[in-house]
C-alpha atoms as a PDB file:
ATOM      1  CA  MET A   1     -38.229   9.640   8.062  1.00  0.00           C
ATOM      2  CA  LEU A   2     -38.383  13.100   8.383  1.00  0.00           C
ATOM      3  CA  GLY A   3     -35.659  15.255   9.565  1.00  0.00           C
ATOM      4  CA  ILE A   4     -36.776  18.990  10.243  1.00  0.00           C
ATOM      5  CA  ILE A   5     -34.106  21.760  10.839  1.00  0.00           C
ATOM      6  CA  PRO A   6     -35.269  24.920  12.056  1.00  0.00           C
ATOM      7  CA  ALA A   7     -32.299  27.006  10.080  1.00  0.00           C
ATOM      8  CA  ALA A   8     -34.331  30.895  10.598  1.00  0.00           C
ATOM      9  CA  GLY A   9     -32.704  32.057  13.189  1.00  0.00           C
ATOM     10  CA  ALA A  10     -30.709  35.879  12.884  1.00  0.00           C
ATOM     11  CA  GLY A  11     -27.278  34.588  14.691  1.00  0.00           C
ATOM     12  CA  THR A  12     -27.167  37.368  16.707  1.00  0.00           C
ATOM     13  CA  ARG A  13     -24.288  35.977  19.072  1.00  0.00           C
ATOM     14  CA  ILE A  14     -21.946  35.311  16.701  1.00  0.00           C
ATOM     15  CA  GLN A  15     -23.202  38.681  14.187  1.00  0.00           C
ATOM     16  CA  PRO A  16     -21.831  40.125  12.098  1.00  0.00           C
ATOM     17  CA  LEU A  17     -21.603  37.313   9.134  1.00  0.00           C
ATOM     18  CA  ALA A  18     -21.763  38.104   5.555  1.00  0.00           C
ATOM     19  CA  PHE A  19     -23.661  34.697   5.040  1.00  0.00           C
ATOM     20  CA  SER A  20     -26.257  32.817   7.170  1.00  0.00           C
ATOM     21  CA  LYS A  21     -24.903  31.625  10.455  1.00  0.00           C
ATOM     22  CA  GLU A  22     -25.709  27.844   9.439  1.00  0.00           C
ATOM     23  CA  MET A  23     -22.926  27.758   6.674  1.00  0.00           C
ATOM     24  CA  LEU A  24     -20.399  29.413   8.670  1.00  0.00           C
ATOM     25  CA  PRO A  25     -17.349  26.828   7.796  1.00  0.00           C
ATOM     26  CA  VAL A  26     -16.778  24.613  10.519  1.00  0.00           C
ATOM     27  CA  GLY A  27     -13.566  22.031   9.249  1.00  0.00           C
ATOM     28  CA  SER A  28     -13.672  20.466   5.740  1.00  0.00           C
ATOM     29  CA  ARG A  29     -15.041  18.059   3.407  1.00  0.00           C
ATOM     30  CA  LEU A  30     -13.683  16.052   0.454  1.00  0.00           C
ATOM     31  CA  ASP A  31     -15.860  17.153  -2.844  1.00  0.00           C
ATOM     32  CA  GLU A  32     -16.723  14.610  -5.760  1.00  0.00           C
ATOM     33  CA  HIS A  33     -13.857  15.144  -7.594  1.00  0.00           C
ATOM     34  CA  GLY A  34     -11.510  14.913  -4.300  1.00  0.00           C
ATOM     35  CA  VAL A  35     -10.699  18.559  -3.674  1.00  0.00           C
ATOM     36  CA  GLU A  36     -10.958  19.418   0.214  1.00  0.00           C
ATOM     37  CA  ARG A  37     -13.925  22.296   0.439  1.00  0.00           C
ATOM     38  CA  SER A  38     -14.626  23.882   3.730  1.00  0.00           C
ATOM     39  CA  LYS A  39     -17.698  22.222   5.361  1.00  0.00           C
ATOM     40  CA  ALA A  40     -20.876  24.468   6.586  1.00  0.00           C
ATOM     41  CA  VAL A  41     -21.868  23.954  10.180  1.00  0.00           C
ATOM     42  CA  SER A  42     -25.085  22.708   9.520  1.00  0.00           C
ATOM     43  CA  GLU A  43     -23.985  19.881   6.773  1.00  0.00           C
ATOM     44  CA  TYR A  44     -23.205  17.951  10.170  1.00  0.00           C
ATOM     45  CA  LEU A  45     -26.573  17.320  11.170  1.00  0.00           C
ATOM     46  CA  ILE A  46     -27.637  16.683   7.994  1.00  0.00           C
ATOM     47  CA  GLU A  47     -25.243  13.699   7.824  1.00  0.00           C
ATOM     48  CA  ARG A  48     -26.366  12.409  11.375  1.00  0.00           C
ATOM     49  CA  MET A  49     -29.868  12.827   9.859  1.00  0.00           C
ATOM     50  CA  LEU A  50     -28.859  10.610   6.807  1.00  0.00           C
ATOM     51  CA  LEU A  51     -26.831   8.279   8.933  1.00  0.00           C
ATOM     52  CA  ALA A  52     -29.877   7.404  10.840  1.00  0.00           C
ATOM     53  CA  GLY A  53     -32.539   6.769   7.890  1.00  0.00           C
ATOM     54  CA  ALA A  54     -33.594  10.227   7.080  1.00  0.00           C
ATOM     55  CA  ASP A  55     -35.312  10.088   3.671  1.00  0.00           C
ATOM     56  CA  ARG A  56     -36.080  13.451   3.850  1.00  0.00           C
ATOM     57  CA  ILE A  57     -34.901  16.621   5.396  1.00  0.00           C
ATOM     58  CA  CYS A  58     -36.666  20.170   6.067  1.00  0.00           C
ATOM     59  CA  LEU A  59     -35.097  23.399   6.381  1.00  0.00           C
ATOM     60  CA  VAL A  60     -37.210  25.890   7.985  1.00  0.00           C
ATOM     61  CA  ILE A  61     -35.649  29.377   6.780  1.00  0.00           C
ATOM     62  CA  SER A  62     -36.121  33.035   6.940  1.00  0.00           C
ATOM     63  CA  PRO A  63     -36.639  34.686   3.546  1.00  0.00           C
ATOM     64  CA  GLN A  64     -33.612  36.133   3.588  1.00  0.00           C
ATOM     65  CA  LYS A  65     -31.682  32.939   3.875  1.00  0.00           C
ATOM     66  CA  THR A  66     -31.321  32.283   0.488  1.00  0.00           C
ATOM     67  CA  ASP A  67     -27.663  31.729   0.364  1.00  0.00           C
ATOM     68  CA  ILE A  68     -28.510  27.972   2.284  1.00  0.00           C
ATOM     69  CA  ILE A  69     -30.755  27.019  -0.571  1.00  0.00           C
ATOM     70  CA  GLN A  70     -28.323  27.403  -2.938  1.00  0.00           C
ATOM     71  CA  TYR A  71     -25.351  25.673  -1.383  1.00  0.00           C
ATOM     72  CA  TYR A  72     -27.803  22.672  -0.594  1.00  0.00           C
ATOM     73  CA  ALA A  73     -28.585  22.690  -4.360  1.00  0.00           C
ATOM     74  CA  ARG A  74     -24.950  21.527  -4.886  1.00  0.00           C
ATOM     75  CA  HIS A  75     -25.276  18.545  -1.973  1.00  0.00           C
ATOM     76  CA  PRO A  76     -24.840  15.020  -2.875  1.00  0.00           C
ATOM     77  CA  ALA A  77     -28.412  14.566  -1.149  1.00  0.00           C
ATOM     78  CA  SER A  78     -29.918  17.529  -2.685  1.00  0.00           C
ATOM     79  CA  ALA A  79     -33.124  15.390  -3.671  1.00  0.00           C
ATOM     80  CA  LYS A  80     -33.884  14.639  -0.567  1.00  0.00           C
ATOM     81  CA  PHE A  81     -34.065  18.225   0.755  1.00  0.00           C
ATOM     82  CA  CYS A  82     -37.380  20.559   0.686  1.00  0.00           C
ATOM     83  CA  TYR A  83     -37.650  24.025   2.256  1.00  0.00           C
ATOM     84  CA  MET A  84     -40.155  25.632   4.331  1.00  0.00           C
ATOM     85  CA  VAL A  85     -40.311  29.645   5.259  1.00  0.00           C
ATOM     86  CA  GLN A  86     -40.526  31.466   8.324  1.00  0.00           C
ATOM     87  CA  GLU A  87     -41.679  34.602   7.906  1.00  0.00           C
ATOM     88  CA  GLN A  88     -40.432  36.468  11.104  1.00  0.00           C
ATOM     89  CA  PRO A  89     -38.348  34.775  13.952  1.00  0.00           C
ATOM     90  CA  SER A  90     -40.863  33.372  16.182  1.00  0.00           C
ATOM     91  CA  GLY A  91     -39.097  30.999  18.299  1.00  0.00           C
ATOM     92  CA  LEU A  92     -38.167  27.081  17.871  1.00  0.00           C
ATOM     93  CA  CYS A  93     -41.542  25.381  18.272  1.00  0.00           C
ATOM     94  CA  ASP A  94     -43.010  28.135  16.099  1.00  0.00           C
ATOM     95  CA  ALA A  95     -40.198  26.997  13.365  1.00  0.00           C
ATOM     96  CA  LEU A  96     -40.639  23.487  13.831  1.00  0.00           C
ATOM     97  CA  PHE A  97     -44.511  23.255  13.340  1.00  0.00           C
ATOM     98  CA  ARG A  98     -43.884  24.976   9.797  1.00  0.00           C
ATOM     99  CA  ALA A  99     -43.045  21.535   8.690  1.00  0.00           C
ATOM    100  CA  ALA A 100     -45.896  19.750  10.243  1.00  0.00           C
ATOM    101  CA  ALA A 101     -47.342  18.956   7.104  1.00  0.00           C
ATOM    102  CA  MET A 102     -44.614  17.186   5.500  1.00  0.00           C
ATOM    103  CA  GLY A 103     -44.600  14.432   7.679  1.00  0.00           C
ATOM    104  CA  HIS A 104     -46.193  10.881   6.804  1.00  0.00           C
ATOM    105  CA  ALA A 105     -48.363   8.602   8.617  1.00  0.00           C
ATOM    106  CA  ASP A 106     -46.087   6.162  10.549  1.00  0.00           C
ATOM    107  CA  GLU A 107     -43.049   7.721  10.091  1.00  0.00           C
ATOM    108  CA  ASP A 108     -40.764   9.408  12.867  1.00  0.00           C
ATOM    109  CA  VAL A 109     -39.615  12.882  12.886  1.00  0.00           C
ATOM    110  CA  LEU A 110     -36.039  13.716  13.876  1.00  0.00           C
ATOM    111  CA  ILE A 111     -35.452  16.884  14.808  1.00  0.00           C
ATOM    112  CA  GLY A 112     -31.386  18.772  15.578  1.00  0.00           C
ATOM    113  CA  LEU A 113     -30.085  22.215  16.048  1.00  0.00           C
ATOM    114  CA  PRO A 114     -28.082  23.086  12.644  1.00  0.00           C
ATOM    115  CA  ASP A 115     -25.168  25.423  14.430  1.00  0.00           C
ATOM    116  CA  THR A 116     -24.116  22.648  16.719  1.00  0.00           C
ATOM    117  CA  VAL A 117     -21.266  19.984  15.995  1.00  0.00           C
ATOM    118  CA  TRP A 118     -21.730  16.952  18.391  1.00  0.00           C
ATOM    119  CA  PHE A 119     -20.736  13.209  18.864  1.00  0.00           C
ATOM    120  CA  PRO A 120     -20.892  10.221  18.013  1.00  0.00           C
ATOM    121  CA  GLU A 121     -21.415  10.632  14.365  1.00  0.00           C
ATOM    122  CA  ASN A 122     -24.347   7.422  15.071  1.00  0.00           C
ATOM    123  CA  GLY A 123     -26.108   9.275  18.111  1.00  0.00           C
ATOM    124  CA  LEU A 124     -29.358   9.862  16.612  1.00  0.00           C
ATOM    125  CA  ALA A 125     -29.518   6.436  15.455  1.00  0.00           C
ATOM    126  CA  GLN A 126     -29.154   5.567  19.079  1.00  0.00           C
ATOM    127  CA  LEU A 127     -33.181   7.063  19.899  1.00  0.00           C
ATOM    128  CA  PRO A 128     -35.780   3.862  19.932  1.00  0.00           C
ATOM    129  CA  ALA A 129     -37.999   4.301  17.138  1.00  0.00           C
ATOM    130  CA  GLY A 130     -41.646   5.340  18.238  1.00  0.00           C
ATOM    131  CA  GLU A 131     -41.292   6.796  21.097  1.00  0.00           C
ATOM    132  CA  LEU A 132     -40.211  10.478  21.887  1.00  0.00           C
ATOM    133  CA  SER A 133     -36.899  10.541  23.007  1.00  0.00           C
ATOM    134  CA  PHE A 134     -33.875  12.949  23.266  1.00  0.00           C
ATOM    135  CA  LEU A 135     -30.021  12.434  23.030  1.00  0.00           C
ATOM    136  CA  LEU A 136     -28.481  14.249  25.518  1.00  0.00           C
ATOM    137  CA  PHE A 137     -24.937  15.384  26.395  1.00  0.00           C
ATOM    138  CA  PRO A 138     -22.779  15.902  29.382  1.00  0.00           C
ATOM    139  CA  VAL A 139     -22.071  19.462  29.127  1.00  0.00           C
ATOM    140  CA  GLU A 140     -19.587  21.995  31.540  1.00  0.00           C
ATOM    141  CA  ASP A 141     -21.967  24.699  31.634  1.00  0.00           C
ATOM    142  CA  PRO A 142     -25.542  23.674  31.604  1.00  0.00           C
ATOM    143  CA  THR A 143     -26.999  26.934  32.269  1.00  0.00           C
ATOM    144  CA  GLN A 144     -26.622  27.805  28.478  1.00  0.00           C
ATOM    145  CA  PHE A 145     -28.565  24.923  27.530  1.00  0.00           C
ATOM    146  CA  ASP A 146     -31.932  23.020  28.378  1.00  0.00           C
ATOM    147  CA  ALA A 147     -30.827  20.633  31.039  1.00  0.00           C
ATOM    148  CA  VAL A 148     -32.963  17.365  31.064  1.00  0.00           C
ATOM    149  CA  MET A 149     -33.945  15.726  34.572  1.00  0.00           C
ATOM    150  CA  THR A 150     -34.531  12.087  34.273  1.00  0.00           C
ATOM    151  CA  ASP A 151     -35.022   9.028  36.507  1.00  0.00           C
ATOM    152  CA  GLU A 152     -33.247   5.900  37.096  1.00  0.00           C
ATOM    153  CA  ALA A 153     -34.968   4.450  33.981  1.00  0.00           C
ATOM    154  CA  GLY A 154     -34.180   7.273  31.842  1.00  0.00           C
ATOM    155  CA  ARG A 155     -37.867   8.447  31.158  1.00  0.00           C
ATOM    156  CA  VAL A 156     -38.105  12.338  31.417  1.00  0.00           C
ATOM    157  CA  ARG A 157     -39.189  13.951  34.360  1.00  0.00           C
ATOM    158  CA  GLU A 158     -38.772  18.021  33.707  1.00  0.00           C
ATOM    159  CA  ILE A 159     -36.539  20.078  30.668  1.00  0.00           C
ATOM    160  CA  GLN A 160     -34.987  23.126  32.476  1.00  0.00           C
ATOM    161  CA  VAL A 161     -34.772  25.819  30.002  1.00  0.00           C
ATOM    162  CA  LYS A 162     -31.454  27.846  30.516  1.00  0.00           C
ATOM    163  CA  SER A 163     -32.254  27.617  34.031  1.00  0.00           C
ATOM    164  CA  GLU A 164     -29.864  29.279  36.555  1.00  0.00           C
ATOM    165  CA  GLN A 165     -29.240  26.386  38.722  1.00  0.00           C
ATOM    166  CA  PRO A 166     -29.903  23.197  36.830  1.00  0.00           C
ATOM    167  CA  GLY A 167     -30.117  19.693  38.402  1.00  0.00           C
ATOM    168  CA  THR A 168     -28.319  17.903  35.670  1.00  0.00           C
ATOM    169  CA  HIS A 169     -24.946  18.860  33.303  1.00  0.00           C
ATOM    170  CA  TRP A 170     -26.957  16.319  30.850  1.00  0.00           C
ATOM    171  CA  VAL A 171     -28.439  18.539  27.808  1.00  0.00           C
ATOM    172  CA  TRP A 172     -30.784  17.803  24.680  1.00  0.00           C
ATOM    173  CA  GLY A 173     -28.940  18.144  21.455  1.00  0.00           C
ATOM    174  CA  ALA A 174     -31.539  16.321  19.348  1.00  0.00           C
ATOM    175  CA  PHE A 175     -34.479  14.357  19.586  1.00  0.00           C
ATOM    176  CA  ARG A 176     -36.571  11.832  18.074  1.00  0.00           C
ATOM    177  CA  MET A 177     -40.413  10.944  17.878  1.00  0.00           C
ATOM    178  CA  PRO A 178     -43.343   9.257  16.284  1.00  0.00           C
ATOM    179  CA  LEU A 179     -45.401  11.853  14.072  1.00  0.00           C
ATOM    180  CA  SER A 180     -48.244  11.249  15.839  1.00  0.00           C
ATOM    181  CA  THR A 181     -46.451  12.471  18.402  1.00  0.00           C
ATOM    182  CA  PHE A 182     -45.190  16.179  16.639  1.00  0.00           C
ATOM    183  CA  GLN A 183     -49.101  16.687  15.817  1.00  0.00           C
ATOM    184  CA  ALA A 184     -50.312  16.196  19.454  1.00  0.00           C
ATOM    185  CA  LEU A 185     -47.487  18.811  20.564  1.00  0.00           C
ATOM    186  CA  HIS A 186     -48.478  20.775  17.829  1.00  0.00           C
ATOM    187  CA  ALA A 187     -52.093  20.453  19.024  1.00  0.00           C
ATOM    188  CA  LEU A 188     -50.849  21.634  22.374  1.00  0.00           C
ATOM    189  CA  TRP A 189     -48.775  24.499  21.328  1.00  0.00           C
ATOM    190  CA  ARG A 190     -51.400  26.127  19.368  1.00  0.00           C
ATOM    191  CA  GLU A 191     -53.807  25.695  22.426  1.00  0.00           C
ATOM    192  CA  PRO A 192     -54.666  29.355  24.016  1.00  0.00           C
ATOM    193  CA  ASP A 193     -52.358  31.118  26.001  1.00  0.00           C
ATOM    194  CA  ARG A 194     -49.517  28.899  25.099  1.00  0.00           C
ATOM    195  CA  GLY A 195     -47.682  29.646  22.232  1.00  0.00           C
ATOM    196  CA  ASP A 196     -44.320  28.174  23.779  1.00  0.00           C
ATOM    197  CA  THR A 197     -40.964  29.775  22.006  1.00  0.00           C
ATOM    198  CA  TYR A 198     -39.117  26.769  23.737  1.00  0.00           C
ATOM    199  CA  ILE A 199     -39.538  23.324  23.103  1.00  0.00           C
ATOM    200  CA  GLY A 200     -38.889  22.489  26.805  1.00  0.00           C
ATOM    201  CA  THR A 201     -41.708  24.144  28.238  1.00  0.00           C
ATOM    202  CA  LEU A 202     -44.121  22.611  25.702  1.00  0.00           C
ATOM    203  CA  VAL A 203     -42.612  19.363  26.585  1.00  0.00           C
ATOM    204  CA  ASN A 204     -43.164  19.964  30.542  1.00  0.00           C
ATOM    205  CA  ALA A 205     -46.643  20.477  29.630  1.00  0.00           C
ATOM    206  CA  TYR A 206     -47.206  17.313  27.276  1.00  0.00           C
ATOM    207  CA  LEU A 207     -45.343  15.284  30.278  1.00  0.00           C
ATOM    208  CA  GLN A 208     -47.877  16.873  32.851  1.00  0.00           C
ATOM    209  CA  ARG A 209     -50.605  15.822  31.333  1.00  0.00           C
ATOM    210  CA  GLY A 210     -49.553  11.985  31.404  1.00  0.00           C
ATOM    211  CA  GLY A 211     -47.176  12.135  28.240  1.00  0.00           C
ATOM    212  CA  SER A 212     -43.927  10.376  27.947  1.00  0.00           C
ATOM    213  CA  ALA A 213     -40.518  10.935  27.155  1.00  0.00           C
ATOM    214  CA  LEU A 214     -37.172   8.681  27.188  1.00  0.00           C
ATOM    215  CA  GLY A 215     -33.387  10.653  27.480  1.00  0.00           C
ATOM    216  CA  VAL A 216     -30.954   8.826  26.189  1.00  0.00           C
ATOM    217  CA  ARG A 217     -27.245   9.439  27.132  1.00  0.00           C
ATOM    218  CA  ALA A 218     -25.400   8.858  24.580  1.00  0.00           C
ATOM    219  CA  GLY A 219     -23.867  11.710  23.582  1.00  0.00           C
ATOM    220  CA  GLU A 220     -20.102  12.677  24.228  1.00  0.00           C
ATOM    221  CA  ARG A 221     -19.659  16.141  23.016  1.00  0.00           C
ATOM    222  CA  TYR A 222     -21.243  19.208  22.367  1.00  0.00           C
ATOM    223  CA  HIS A 223     -20.570  22.517  20.960  1.00  0.00           C
ATOM    224  CA  ASP A 224     -23.140  25.475  20.233  1.00  0.00           C
ATOM    225  CA  VAL A 225     -20.743  27.276  17.047  1.00  0.00           C
ATOM    226  CA  GLY A 226     -23.342  29.978  17.793  1.00  0.00           C
ATOM    227  CA  THR A 227     -20.414  31.985  19.671  1.00  0.00           C
ATOM    228  CA  PRO A 228     -16.913  33.083  19.333  1.00  0.00           C
ATOM    229  CA  GLU A 229     -16.372  30.654  22.123  1.00  0.00           C
ATOM    230  CA  GLY A 230     -18.248  27.637  20.844  1.00  0.00           C
ATOM    231  CA  TYR A 231     -17.038  28.091  17.220  1.00  0.00           C
ATOM    232  CA  ARG A 232     -13.280  27.499  18.389  1.00  0.00           C
ATOM    233  CA  ALA A 233     -14.125  24.651  20.491  1.00  0.00           C
ATOM    234  CA  ALA A 234     -15.988  22.666  17.747  1.00  0.00           C
ATOM    235  CA  VAL A 235     -13.214  23.559  15.469  1.00  0.00           C
ATOM    236  CA  ALA A 236     -10.886  22.228  18.166  1.00  0.00           C
ATOM    237  CA  SER A 237     -13.030  18.947  18.944  1.00  0.00           C
ATOM    238  CA  LEU A 238     -12.949  17.962  15.161  1.00  0.00           C
ATOM    239  CA  ALA A 239      -9.337  17.429  15.850  1.00  0.00           C
ATOM    240  CA  LYS A 240      -9.738  15.175  18.573  1.00  0.00           C
ATOM    241  CA  PRO A 241     -10.601  11.368  18.876  1.00  0.00           C
ATOM    242  CA  SER A 242     -13.806  11.001  20.366  1.00  0.00           C
ATOM    243  CA  PRO A 243     -13.977  10.239  23.737  1.00  0.00           C
ATOM    244  CA  ILE A 244     -16.549   7.867  25.632  1.00  0.00           C
ATOM    245  CA  ALA A 245     -19.195   9.645  27.692  1.00  0.00           C
ATOM    246  CA  ALA A 246     -18.500  10.576  30.906  1.00  0.00           C
ATOM    247  CA  ALA A 247     -20.728   7.877  33.643  1.00  0.00           C
END
């Protein structure tokens, strides 16, 4: 299984930083010698992908983000990492599809955002294999995210991209799909007059053409560390026990 992490963004909401936003210290971990070290925010997503069964992880970076490579060269799972370059910031879809050639036939793809911290840790493992499925989280202010409208069976009806009046407080935080679906989305994105910036608008077009997706309300807490407020919330959340998701 392939994990894809788009890490080429400039992180303007939390700048100025002296390093890539994906390297922002959030919490800590023990190294191989039992010494406590600061933990980069992107490590949380990597841990969750590995827990879900990813055997390869591709980080899509900009040419300036060599600190990400240097940091993860020392990671215990460094042999599972590879890197692709997005020369210019051209949106989430463009970053994700840079890794399209890394997938193997008959495998699934995991996708998440490296500047987020969310629970439960096994959230990605709760997404079904062989189907486009979104891990959904309840948030207080869904206008800052992509709200996911589902029917009673959990099928996705629409993704509302940063809507001023979203119809739900459930937003996507990560997703999974078979490589064949990832390739179909890539082909759709490459059609004339598309080139979507956001995955939500692309998935909406995919659904309108007869595709299907599942929304799994298994998320409990979700923090976007790309803002000072989100950073503080994530640090505070790491000190709390994991609650049961609201119905």
